[in-house]
Amino acid sequence: MAPKAKASAPAHLVITGKVKGPPKISQDGSAVVVKKTLSDGATVEEKFPKRRVRGKQKQLKQLIPAEDVLRTIEEASAVVADTVRAEGDRKVDAINSFANKLLGEELEKANKQIDKERARARFQAGRVVAQKKATKATKKFVRDASDAAQALARQRPQQSFADFVTSRLNSELGIDT
């Protein structure tokens, strides 16, 4: 009687990353190993046990092709990346609008302060102009009074200062002496 064939292990598949370059086929004991190099150093390793075919064989499990799995992973990661990017853009926009609002408030305060200072400067300038006019008028009055006093002194050289003041006040008040 012939020895029975050993039942072999089912196929084992490990998938990570994108396939890059041709596959490398080797043998590990009685199993055939197919290695595919992926981008960024990742690999796909498929082990197919060697089977002796005797009699009826049950159908092997259908495996999903690695390209389909990778495409599905890429689509899912693209969706996640778009969601994260949209969330980041929303946060950046919110921060920018908040910063613009704060900056606008600070600029408004600064403009109000500048307007106050300008108004104060205009007021002070007006006061200075008024004071200059008053000073000019006072100087003119003093000069005219001095000229009048000198003219009167020339007319009455023998008159004392007290008599001069009294006559001047009387003339301005309209009193005849």
N, C-alpha and C. Protein backbone atom coordinates (compact mmCIF):
# COMPACT_ATOMS: atom_id res chain seq x y z
N MET A 1 0.85 -1.16 0.00
CA MET A 1 0.00 0.00 0.00
C MET A 1 0.91 1.23 0.00
N ALA A 2 0.52 2.21 -0.78
CA ALA A 2 1.34 3.42 -0.96
C ALA A 2 1.08 4.41 0.17
N PRO A 3 2.10 5.18 0.54
CA PRO A 3 1.88 6.17 1.61
C PRO A 3 0.97 7.30 1.14
N LYS A 4 0.20 7.80 2.11
CA LYS A 4 -0.72 8.89 1.78
C LYS A 4 0.08 10.19 1.63
N ALA A 5 -0.46 11.08 0.74
CA ALA A 5 0.19 12.39 0.55
C ALA A 5 -0.16 13.29 1.73
N LYS A 6 0.81 14.07 2.15
CA LYS A 6 0.57 14.98 3.26
C LYS A 6 -0.31 16.14 2.78
N ALA A 7 -1.18 16.56 3.66
CA ALA A 7 -1.98 17.75 3.33
C ALA A 7 -1.08 18.96 3.49
N SER A 8 -1.06 19.82 2.49
CA SER A 8 -0.17 20.98 2.56
C SER A 8 -0.93 22.20 3.05
N ALA A 9 -0.18 23.18 3.50
CA ALA A 9 -0.78 24.40 4.05
C ALA A 9 -1.36 25.25 2.93
N PRO A 10 -2.39 26.06 3.27
CA PRO A 10 -2.97 26.92 2.23
C PRO A 10 -1.98 28.04 1.85
N ALA A 11 -2.25 28.70 0.74
CA ALA A 11 -1.37 29.78 0.27
C ALA A 11 -1.42 30.93 1.27
N HIS A 12 -0.28 31.60 1.46
CA HIS A 12 -0.18 32.71 2.41
C HIS A 12 0.25 33.95 1.64
N LEU A 13 -0.46 35.07 1.86
CA LEU A 13 -0.20 36.28 1.10
C LEU A 13 0.00 37.45 2.06
N VAL A 14 1.13 38.18 1.88
CA VAL A 14 1.40 39.39 2.66
C VAL A 14 1.59 40.53 1.66
N ILE A 15 0.78 41.60 1.79
CA ILE A 15 0.84 42.70 0.82
C ILE A 15 1.13 44.02 1.55
N THR A 16 2.14 44.75 1.04
CA THR A 16 2.40 46.09 1.55
C THR A 16 3.01 46.91 0.42
N GLY A 17 2.46 48.09 0.13
CA GLY A 17 3.03 49.04 -0.83
C GLY A 17 2.72 48.75 -2.29
N LYS A 18 3.38 49.52 -3.21
CA LYS A 18 3.17 49.42 -4.66
C LYS A 18 4.21 48.49 -5.28
N VAL A 19 3.80 47.70 -6.27
CA VAL A 19 4.72 46.77 -6.94
C VAL A 19 5.66 47.56 -7.83
N LYS A 20 6.96 47.21 -7.77
CA LYS A 20 7.97 47.92 -8.55
C LYS A 20 8.95 46.88 -9.09
N GLY A 21 9.00 46.72 -10.37
CA GLY A 21 9.94 45.78 -10.98
C GLY A 21 9.36 44.38 -11.11
N PRO A 22 10.11 43.46 -11.75
CA PRO A 22 9.63 42.08 -11.96
C PRO A 22 9.71 41.25 -10.68
N PRO A 23 8.85 40.21 -10.56
CA PRO A 23 8.88 39.38 -9.35
C PRO A 23 10.11 38.46 -9.33
N LYS A 24 10.51 38.04 -8.11
CA LYS A 24 11.61 37.09 -7.93
C LYS A 24 11.01 35.78 -7.42
N ILE A 25 11.27 34.72 -8.10
CA ILE A 25 10.68 33.43 -7.75
C ILE A 25 11.78 32.54 -7.15
N SER A 26 11.46 31.95 -5.99
CA SER A 26 12.42 31.06 -5.33
C SER A 26 11.64 29.91 -4.70
N GLN A 27 12.38 28.98 -4.09
CA GLN A 27 11.73 27.84 -3.47
C GLN A 27 12.14 27.79 -2.01
N ASP A 28 11.12 27.62 -1.14
CA ASP A 28 11.36 27.53 0.30
C ASP A 28 10.87 26.16 0.73
N GLY A 29 11.79 25.24 0.82
CA GLY A 29 11.39 23.86 1.13
C GLY A 29 10.62 23.30 -0.05
N SER A 30 9.38 22.89 0.20
CA SER A 30 8.57 22.36 -0.90
C SER A 30 7.64 23.43 -1.47
N ALA A 31 7.67 24.67 -0.91
CA ALA A 31 6.77 25.73 -1.38
C ALA A 31 7.49 26.64 -2.37
N VAL A 32 6.72 27.19 -3.29
CA VAL A 32 7.23 28.15 -4.27
C VAL A 32 6.95 29.54 -3.71
N VAL A 33 7.99 30.38 -3.65
CA VAL A 33 7.85 31.73 -3.10
C VAL A 33 8.03 32.74 -4.24
N VAL A 34 7.01 33.63 -4.37
CA VAL A 34 7.10 34.70 -5.38
C VAL A 34 7.21 36.02 -4.61
N LYS A 35 8.32 36.74 -4.85
CA LYS A 35 8.53 38.02 -4.17
C LYS A 35 8.48 39.13 -5.20
N LYS A 36 7.70 40.17 -4.87
CA LYS A 36 7.63 41.35 -5.74
C LYS A 36 8.13 42.54 -4.93
N THR A 37 9.06 43.31 -5.50
CA THR A 37 9.60 44.48 -4.81
C THR A 37 8.65 45.65 -5.00
N LEU A 38 8.38 46.32 -3.90
CA LEU A 38 7.45 47.45 -3.94
C LEU A 38 8.23 48.74 -3.75
N SER A 39 7.58 49.86 -4.05
CA SER A 39 8.25 51.15 -3.87
C SER A 39 8.52 51.38 -2.39
N ASP A 40 9.56 52.13 -2.11
CA ASP A 40 9.97 52.48 -0.75
C ASP A 40 10.34 51.26 0.09
N GLY A 41 10.89 50.23 -0.54
CA GLY A 41 11.42 49.09 0.19
C GLY A 41 10.40 48.07 0.68
N ALA A 42 9.11 48.25 0.39
CA ALA A 42 8.10 47.27 0.83
C ALA A 42 8.11 46.09 -0.15
N THR A 43 7.58 44.94 0.28
CA THR A 43 7.56 43.75 -0.59
C THR A 43 6.22 43.04 -0.52
N VAL A 44 5.93 42.30 -1.56
CA VAL A 44 4.77 41.40 -1.58
C VAL A 44 5.36 40.00 -1.64
N GLU A 45 4.91 39.16 -0.73
CA GLU A 45 5.45 37.80 -0.69
C GLU A 45 4.29 36.82 -0.78
N GLU A 46 4.33 35.96 -1.75
CA GLU A 46 3.28 34.96 -1.93
C GLU A 46 3.93 33.58 -1.84
N LYS A 47 3.37 32.70 -0.99
CA LYS A 47 3.88 31.33 -0.87
C LYS A 47 2.82 30.36 -1.37
N PHE A 48 3.21 29.54 -2.28
CA PHE A 48 2.30 28.53 -2.80
C PHE A 48 2.87 27.16 -2.44
N PRO A 49 2.17 26.41 -1.59
CA PRO A 49 2.70 25.09 -1.23
C PRO A 49 2.66 24.14 -2.44
N LYS A 50 3.66 23.28 -2.47
CA LYS A 50 3.72 22.31 -3.56
C LYS A 50 2.76 21.18 -3.22
N ARG A 51 1.88 20.87 -4.13
CA ARG A 51 0.88 19.83 -3.87
C ARG A 51 1.05 18.70 -4.90
N ARG A 52 0.84 17.56 -4.40
CA ARG A 52 0.78 16.43 -5.32
C ARG A 52 -0.66 16.25 -5.71
N VAL A 53 -0.87 16.25 -6.94
CA VAL A 53 -2.25 16.14 -7.41
C VAL A 53 -2.57 14.65 -7.61
N ARG A 54 -3.54 14.16 -6.80
CA ARG A 54 -4.01 12.78 -6.92
C ARG A 54 -5.50 12.80 -6.75
N GLY A 55 -6.14 12.28 -7.62
CA GLY A 55 -7.58 12.19 -7.51
C GLY A 55 -8.24 13.55 -7.67
N LYS A 56 -9.45 13.62 -7.13
CA LYS A 56 -10.20 14.87 -7.25
C LYS A 56 -9.62 15.91 -6.30
N GLN A 57 -9.51 17.14 -6.78
CA GLN A 57 -9.02 18.24 -5.97
C GLN A 57 -10.14 19.24 -5.75
N LYS A 58 -10.22 19.72 -4.53
CA LYS A 58 -11.21 20.76 -4.32
C LYS A 58 -10.65 22.07 -4.87
N GLN A 59 -11.57 22.94 -5.23
CA GLN A 59 -11.17 24.20 -5.86
C GLN A 59 -10.42 25.08 -4.86
N LEU A 60 -9.31 25.70 -5.32
CA LEU A 60 -8.53 26.58 -4.47
C LEU A 60 -9.30 27.87 -4.18
N LYS A 61 -9.01 28.45 -3.03
CA LYS A 61 -9.66 29.71 -2.68
C LYS A 61 -9.23 30.78 -3.66
N GLN A 62 -10.22 31.62 -4.05
CA GLN A 62 -9.90 32.73 -4.95
C GLN A 62 -9.25 33.84 -4.13
N LEU A 63 -8.09 34.27 -4.54
CA LEU A 63 -7.40 35.36 -3.88
C LEU A 63 -7.64 36.65 -4.67
N ILE A 64 -7.70 37.75 -3.96
CA ILE A 64 -7.87 39.04 -4.60
C ILE A 64 -6.51 39.43 -5.18
N PRO A 65 -6.46 39.84 -6.42
CA PRO A 65 -5.18 40.25 -7.01
C PRO A 65 -4.58 41.42 -6.23
N ALA A 66 -3.27 41.40 -6.09
CA ALA A 66 -2.57 42.43 -5.31
C ALA A 66 -2.82 43.82 -5.87
N GLU A 67 -2.91 43.94 -7.21
CA GLU A 67 -3.14 45.26 -7.82
C GLU A 67 -4.48 45.85 -7.38
N ASP A 68 -5.52 44.99 -7.27
CA ASP A 68 -6.83 45.47 -6.82
C ASP A 68 -6.78 45.94 -5.37
N VAL A 69 -6.08 45.16 -4.55
CA VAL A 69 -5.96 45.54 -3.14
C VAL A 69 -5.21 46.86 -3.02
N LEU A 70 -4.11 46.99 -3.76
CA LEU A 70 -3.34 48.22 -3.72
C LEU A 70 -4.15 49.41 -4.22
N ARG A 71 -4.90 49.21 -5.29
CA ARG A 71 -5.74 50.30 -5.82
C ARG A 71 -6.77 50.73 -4.78
N THR A 72 -7.38 49.76 -4.08
CA THR A 72 -8.37 50.07 -3.04
C THR A 72 -7.72 50.84 -1.89
N ILE A 73 -6.52 50.40 -1.50
CA ILE A 73 -5.80 51.09 -0.43
C ILE A 73 -5.47 52.52 -0.85
N GLU A 74 -5.01 52.69 -2.10
CA GLU A 74 -4.67 54.03 -2.59
C GLU A 74 -5.90 54.94 -2.60
N GLU A 75 -7.04 54.41 -3.04
CA GLU A 75 -8.27 55.22 -3.07
C GLU A 75 -8.68 55.61 -1.66
N ALA A 76 -8.60 54.66 -0.71
CA ALA A 76 -8.98 54.97 0.67
C ALA A 76 -8.03 56.01 1.26
N SER A 77 -6.73 55.87 0.99
CA SER A 77 -5.78 56.85 1.53
C SER A 77 -5.97 58.21 0.88
N ALA A 78 -6.36 58.24 -0.39
CA ALA A 78 -6.64 59.52 -1.06
C ALA A 78 -7.85 60.21 -0.43
N VAL A 79 -8.89 59.42 -0.11
CA VAL A 79 -10.08 59.98 0.54
C VAL A 79 -9.71 60.53 1.91
N VAL A 80 -8.93 59.76 2.67
CA VAL A 80 -8.51 60.22 4.01
C VAL A 80 -7.66 61.48 3.89
N ALA A 81 -6.74 61.49 2.93
CA ALA A 81 -5.87 62.66 2.75
C ALA A 81 -6.69 63.90 2.38
N ASP A 82 -7.68 63.72 1.49
CA ASP A 82 -8.53 64.86 1.12
C ASP A 82 -9.31 65.38 2.32
N THR A 83 -9.81 64.47 3.15
CA THR A 83 -10.56 64.87 4.34
C THR A 83 -9.66 65.64 5.31
N VAL A 84 -8.47 65.10 5.54
CA VAL A 84 -7.53 65.76 6.46
C VAL A 84 -7.11 67.12 5.90
N ARG A 85 -6.85 67.18 4.58
CA ARG A 85 -6.46 68.44 3.95
C ARG A 85 -7.58 69.47 4.08
N ALA A 86 -8.83 69.03 3.85
CA ALA A 86 -9.97 69.96 3.97
C ALA A 86 -10.10 70.46 5.41
N GLU A 87 -9.91 69.59 6.38
CA GLU A 87 -9.98 69.98 7.79
C GLU A 87 -8.87 70.98 8.11
N GLY A 88 -7.66 70.71 7.62
CA GLY A 88 -6.55 71.64 7.82
C GLY A 88 -6.82 72.99 7.19
N ASP A 89 -7.35 73.00 5.96
CA ASP A 89 -7.69 74.26 5.29
C ASP A 89 -8.73 75.02 6.08
N ARG A 90 -9.72 74.31 6.62
CA ARG A 90 -10.77 74.96 7.40
C ARG A 90 -10.17 75.61 8.65
N LYS A 91 -9.27 74.89 9.32
CA LYS A 91 -8.64 75.44 10.52
C LYS A 91 -7.78 76.65 10.17
N VAL A 92 -7.02 76.57 9.08
CA VAL A 92 -6.18 77.69 8.67
C VAL A 92 -7.05 78.91 8.35
N ASP A 93 -8.17 78.70 7.64
CA ASP A 93 -9.07 79.81 7.33
C ASP A 93 -9.65 80.42 8.60
N ALA A 94 -10.02 79.58 9.57
CA ALA A 94 -10.56 80.10 10.83
C ALA A 94 -9.51 80.92 11.58
N ILE A 95 -8.29 80.44 11.61
CA ILE A 95 -7.21 81.17 12.29
C ILE A 95 -6.94 82.49 11.58
N ASN A 96 -6.91 82.46 10.24
CA ASN A 96 -6.68 83.69 9.48
C ASN A 96 -7.78 84.72 9.72
N SER A 97 -9.04 84.27 9.71
CA SER A 97 -10.14 85.21 9.93
C SER A 97 -10.07 85.79 11.35
N PHE A 98 -9.72 84.98 12.33
CA PHE A 98 -9.60 85.47 13.71
C PHE A 98 -8.46 86.49 13.81
N ALA A 99 -7.33 86.18 13.17
CA ALA A 99 -6.18 87.11 13.19
C ALA A 99 -6.54 88.42 12.49
N ASN A 100 -7.24 88.33 11.36
CA ASN A 100 -7.66 89.53 10.65
C ASN A 100 -8.61 90.37 11.50
N LYS A 101 -9.49 89.71 12.23
CA LYS A 101 -10.44 90.43 13.09
C LYS A 101 -9.68 91.17 14.19
N LEU A 102 -8.74 90.47 14.85
CA LEU A 102 -7.95 91.11 15.91
C LEU A 102 -7.12 92.27 15.35
N LEU A 103 -6.52 92.07 14.20
CA LEU A 103 -5.71 93.12 13.59
C LEU A 103 -6.57 94.32 13.23
N GLY A 104 -7.79 94.07 12.72
CA GLY A 104 -8.71 95.15 12.39
C GLY A 104 -9.09 95.96 13.62
N GLU A 105 -9.36 95.27 14.73
CA GLU A 105 -9.71 95.96 15.97
C GLU A 105 -8.54 96.82 16.46
N GLU A 106 -7.33 96.28 16.40
CA GLU A 106 -6.17 97.04 16.85
C GLU A 106 -5.92 98.25 15.95
N LEU A 107 -6.09 98.06 14.64
CA LEU A 107 -5.92 99.19 13.73
C LEU A 107 -6.97 100.27 13.97
N GLU A 108 -8.20 99.85 14.26
CA GLU A 108 -9.27 100.81 14.55
C GLU A 108 -8.94 101.61 15.81
N LYS A 109 -8.45 100.94 16.85
CA LYS A 109 -8.06 101.64 18.07
C LYS A 109 -6.93 102.64 17.79
N ALA A 110 -5.94 102.20 17.01
CA ALA A 110 -4.80 103.07 16.69
C ALA A 110 -5.27 104.28 15.89
N ASN A 111 -6.19 104.07 14.93
CA ASN A 111 -6.70 105.19 14.13
C ASN A 111 -7.47 106.18 14.99
N LYS A 112 -8.26 105.68 15.94
CA LYS A 112 -8.98 106.57 16.85
C LYS A 112 -8.00 107.40 17.66
N GLN A 113 -6.94 106.77 18.16
CA GLN A 113 -5.94 107.49 18.94
C GLN A 113 -5.25 108.54 18.08
N ILE A 114 -4.93 108.19 16.85
CA ILE A 114 -4.29 109.14 15.94
C ILE A 114 -5.22 110.32 15.67
N ASP A 115 -6.51 110.05 15.45
CA ASP A 115 -7.48 111.12 15.22
C ASP A 115 -7.56 112.05 16.43
N LYS A 116 -7.55 111.48 17.64
CA LYS A 116 -7.57 112.31 18.85
C LYS A 116 -6.34 113.21 18.91
N GLU A 117 -5.18 112.63 18.61
CA GLU A 117 -3.95 113.40 18.66
C GLU A 117 -3.96 114.50 17.61
N ARG A 118 -4.47 114.22 16.43
CA ARG A 118 -4.56 115.24 15.38
C ARG A 118 -5.49 116.38 15.81
N ALA A 119 -6.64 116.03 16.39
CA ALA A 119 -7.58 117.05 16.85
C ALA A 119 -6.93 117.90 17.94
N ARG A 120 -6.23 117.25 18.86
CA ARG A 120 -5.55 117.98 19.94
C ARG A 120 -4.49 118.91 19.34
N ALA A 121 -3.76 118.44 18.33
CA ALA A 121 -2.73 119.27 17.69
C ALA A 121 -3.36 120.47 16.99
N ARG A 122 -4.51 120.24 16.29
CA ARG A 122 -5.21 121.36 15.64
C ARG A 122 -5.67 122.38 16.67
N PHE A 123 -6.22 121.90 17.79
CA PHE A 123 -6.68 122.79 18.85
C PHE A 123 -5.52 123.61 19.40
N GLN A 124 -4.40 122.91 19.68
CA GLN A 124 -3.23 123.60 20.21
C GLN A 124 -2.70 124.62 19.20
N ALA A 125 -2.70 124.26 17.92
CA ALA A 125 -2.24 125.19 16.89
C ALA A 125 -3.14 126.42 16.85
N GLY A 126 -4.44 126.23 16.99
CA GLY A 126 -5.38 127.36 17.03
C GLY A 126 -5.10 128.25 18.22
N ARG A 127 -4.82 127.64 19.37
CA ARG A 127 -4.50 128.43 20.56
C ARG A 127 -3.22 129.23 20.36
N VAL A 128 -2.23 128.60 19.73
CA VAL A 128 -0.97 129.29 19.49
C VAL A 128 -1.20 130.49 18.56
N VAL A 129 -1.99 130.31 17.53
CA VAL A 129 -2.28 131.40 16.59
C VAL A 129 -3.00 132.53 17.33
N ALA A 130 -3.98 132.18 18.17
CA ALA A 130 -4.71 133.20 18.92
C ALA A 130 -3.78 133.94 19.87
N GLN A 131 -2.88 133.21 20.52
CA GLN A 131 -1.94 133.85 21.44
C GLN A 131 -0.99 134.77 20.68
N LYS A 132 -0.57 134.36 19.49
CA LYS A 132 0.30 135.22 18.68
C LYS A 132 -0.42 136.51 18.30
N LYS A 133 -1.70 136.38 17.90
CA LYS A 133 -2.48 137.57 17.54
C LYS A 133 -2.61 138.49 18.74
N ALA A 134 -2.92 137.90 19.91
CA ALA A 134 -3.08 138.72 21.11
C ALA A 134 -1.77 139.40 21.47
N THR A 135 -0.66 138.69 21.36
CA THR A 135 0.65 139.26 21.65
C THR A 135 0.96 140.40 20.69
N LYS A 136 0.66 140.18 19.41
CA LYS A 136 0.90 141.20 18.40
C LYS A 136 0.08 142.45 18.71
N ALA A 137 -1.22 142.25 19.05
CA ALA A 137 -2.09 143.38 19.35
C ALA A 137 -1.59 144.12 20.60
N THR A 138 -1.16 143.37 21.61
CA THR A 138 -0.66 143.99 22.84
C THR A 138 0.61 144.79 22.55
N LYS A 139 1.52 144.23 21.75
CA LYS A 139 2.74 144.95 21.40
C LYS A 139 2.41 146.23 20.63
N LYS A 140 1.42 146.16 19.75
CA LYS A 140 1.02 147.35 18.99
C LYS A 140 0.45 148.39 19.93
N PHE A 141 -0.40 147.94 20.87
CA PHE A 141 -0.99 148.88 21.83
C PHE A 141 0.08 149.54 22.67
N VAL A 142 1.07 148.74 23.15
CA VAL A 142 2.16 149.28 23.97
C VAL A 142 2.97 150.26 23.14
N ARG A 143 3.27 149.92 21.88
CA ARG A 143 4.04 150.80 21.02
C ARG A 143 3.31 152.12 20.77
N ASP A 144 1.98 152.00 20.50
CA ASP A 144 1.18 153.21 20.27
C ASP A 144 1.11 154.06 21.53
N ALA A 145 0.94 153.40 22.68
CA ALA A 145 0.89 154.15 23.94
C ALA A 145 2.23 154.82 24.21
N SER A 146 3.31 154.15 23.91
CA SER A 146 4.64 154.72 24.12
C SER A 146 4.85 155.91 23.19
N ASP A 147 4.42 155.77 21.94
CA ASP A 147 4.53 156.87 20.99
C ASP A 147 3.70 158.06 21.45
N ALA A 148 2.49 157.81 21.95
CA ALA A 148 1.62 158.88 22.43
C ALA A 148 2.24 159.55 23.64
N ALA A 149 2.82 158.76 24.53
CA ALA A 149 3.43 159.32 25.73
C ALA A 149 4.63 160.18 25.36
N GLN A 150 5.42 159.73 24.40
CA GLN A 150 6.57 160.51 23.96
C GLN A 150 6.12 161.81 23.30
N ALA A 151 5.05 161.72 22.52
CA ALA A 151 4.53 162.93 21.86
C ALA A 151 4.04 163.92 22.90
N LEU A 152 3.34 163.44 23.93
CA LEU A 152 2.85 164.32 24.98
C LEU A 152 4.02 164.89 25.79
N ALA A 153 5.03 164.09 25.98
CA ALA A 153 6.18 164.54 26.75
C ALA A 153 6.90 165.65 26.00
N ARG A 154 6.91 165.58 24.69
CA ARG A 154 7.54 166.63 23.90
C ARG A 154 6.73 167.92 23.97
N GLN A 155 5.38 167.77 24.04
CA GLN A 155 4.53 168.96 24.10
C GLN A 155 4.66 169.65 25.45
N ARG A 156 4.71 168.91 26.53
CA ARG A 156 4.78 169.47 27.88
C ARG A 156 6.00 168.93 28.60
N PRO A 157 7.14 169.44 28.34
CA PRO A 157 8.33 168.91 28.96
C PRO A 157 8.40 169.19 30.45
N GLN A 158 7.82 170.19 30.95
CA GLN A 158 7.89 170.51 32.36
C GLN A 158 6.89 169.74 33.19
N GLN A 159 5.99 168.98 32.60
CA GLN A 159 4.93 168.26 33.32
C GLN A 159 5.52 167.03 34.00
N SER A 160 5.07 166.71 35.24
CA SER A 160 5.53 165.54 35.96
C SER A 160 4.78 164.30 35.47
N PHE A 161 5.31 163.17 35.88
CA PHE A 161 4.69 161.90 35.47
C PHE A 161 3.28 161.78 36.04
N ALA A 162 3.06 162.14 37.27
CA ALA A 162 1.73 162.06 37.90
C ALA A 162 0.75 162.95 37.16
N ASP A 163 1.19 164.14 36.77
CA ASP A 163 0.30 165.03 36.01
C ASP A 163 -0.01 164.43 34.65
N PHE A 164 1.00 163.80 34.04
CA PHE A 164 0.79 163.17 32.72
C PHE A 164 -0.24 162.07 32.80
N VAL A 165 -0.15 161.21 33.81
CA VAL A 165 -1.09 160.09 33.96
C VAL A 165 -2.48 160.64 34.21
N THR A 166 -2.59 161.61 35.05
CA THR A 166 -3.89 162.18 35.37
C THR A 166 -4.51 162.81 34.13
N SER A 167 -3.75 163.54 33.35
CA SER A 167 -4.31 164.17 32.15
C SER A 167 -4.70 163.13 31.11
N ARG A 168 -3.91 162.06 31.04
CA ARG A 168 -4.21 160.99 30.08
C ARG A 168 -5.52 160.29 30.46
N LEU A 169 -5.70 159.95 31.71
CA LEU A 169 -6.93 159.31 32.16
C LEU A 169 -8.13 160.23 31.96
N ASN A 170 -7.96 161.48 32.26
CA ASN A 170 -9.05 162.42 32.08
C ASN A 170 -9.44 162.54 30.62
N SER A 171 -8.44 162.53 29.72
CA SER A 171 -8.75 162.65 28.30
C SER A 171 -9.47 161.40 27.79
N GLU A 172 -9.12 160.24 28.29
CA GLU A 172 -9.78 159.01 27.85
C GLU A 172 -11.17 158.91 28.45
N LEU A 173 -11.39 159.41 29.65
CA LEU A 173 -12.69 159.37 30.29
C LEU A 173 -13.58 160.53 29.83
N GLY A 174 -13.01 161.44 29.15
CA GLY A 174 -13.78 162.59 28.64
C GLY A 174 -14.03 163.67 29.65
N ILE A 175 -13.17 163.81 30.60
CA ILE A 175 -13.31 164.83 31.63
C ILE A 175 -12.41 166.02 31.24
N ASP A 176 -12.98 167.26 31.26
CA ASP A 176 -12.18 168.45 30.93
C ASP A 176 -11.63 169.05 32.21
N THR A 177 -10.45 169.44 32.16
CA THR A 177 -9.84 170.07 33.35
C THR A 177 -9.66 171.55 33.17
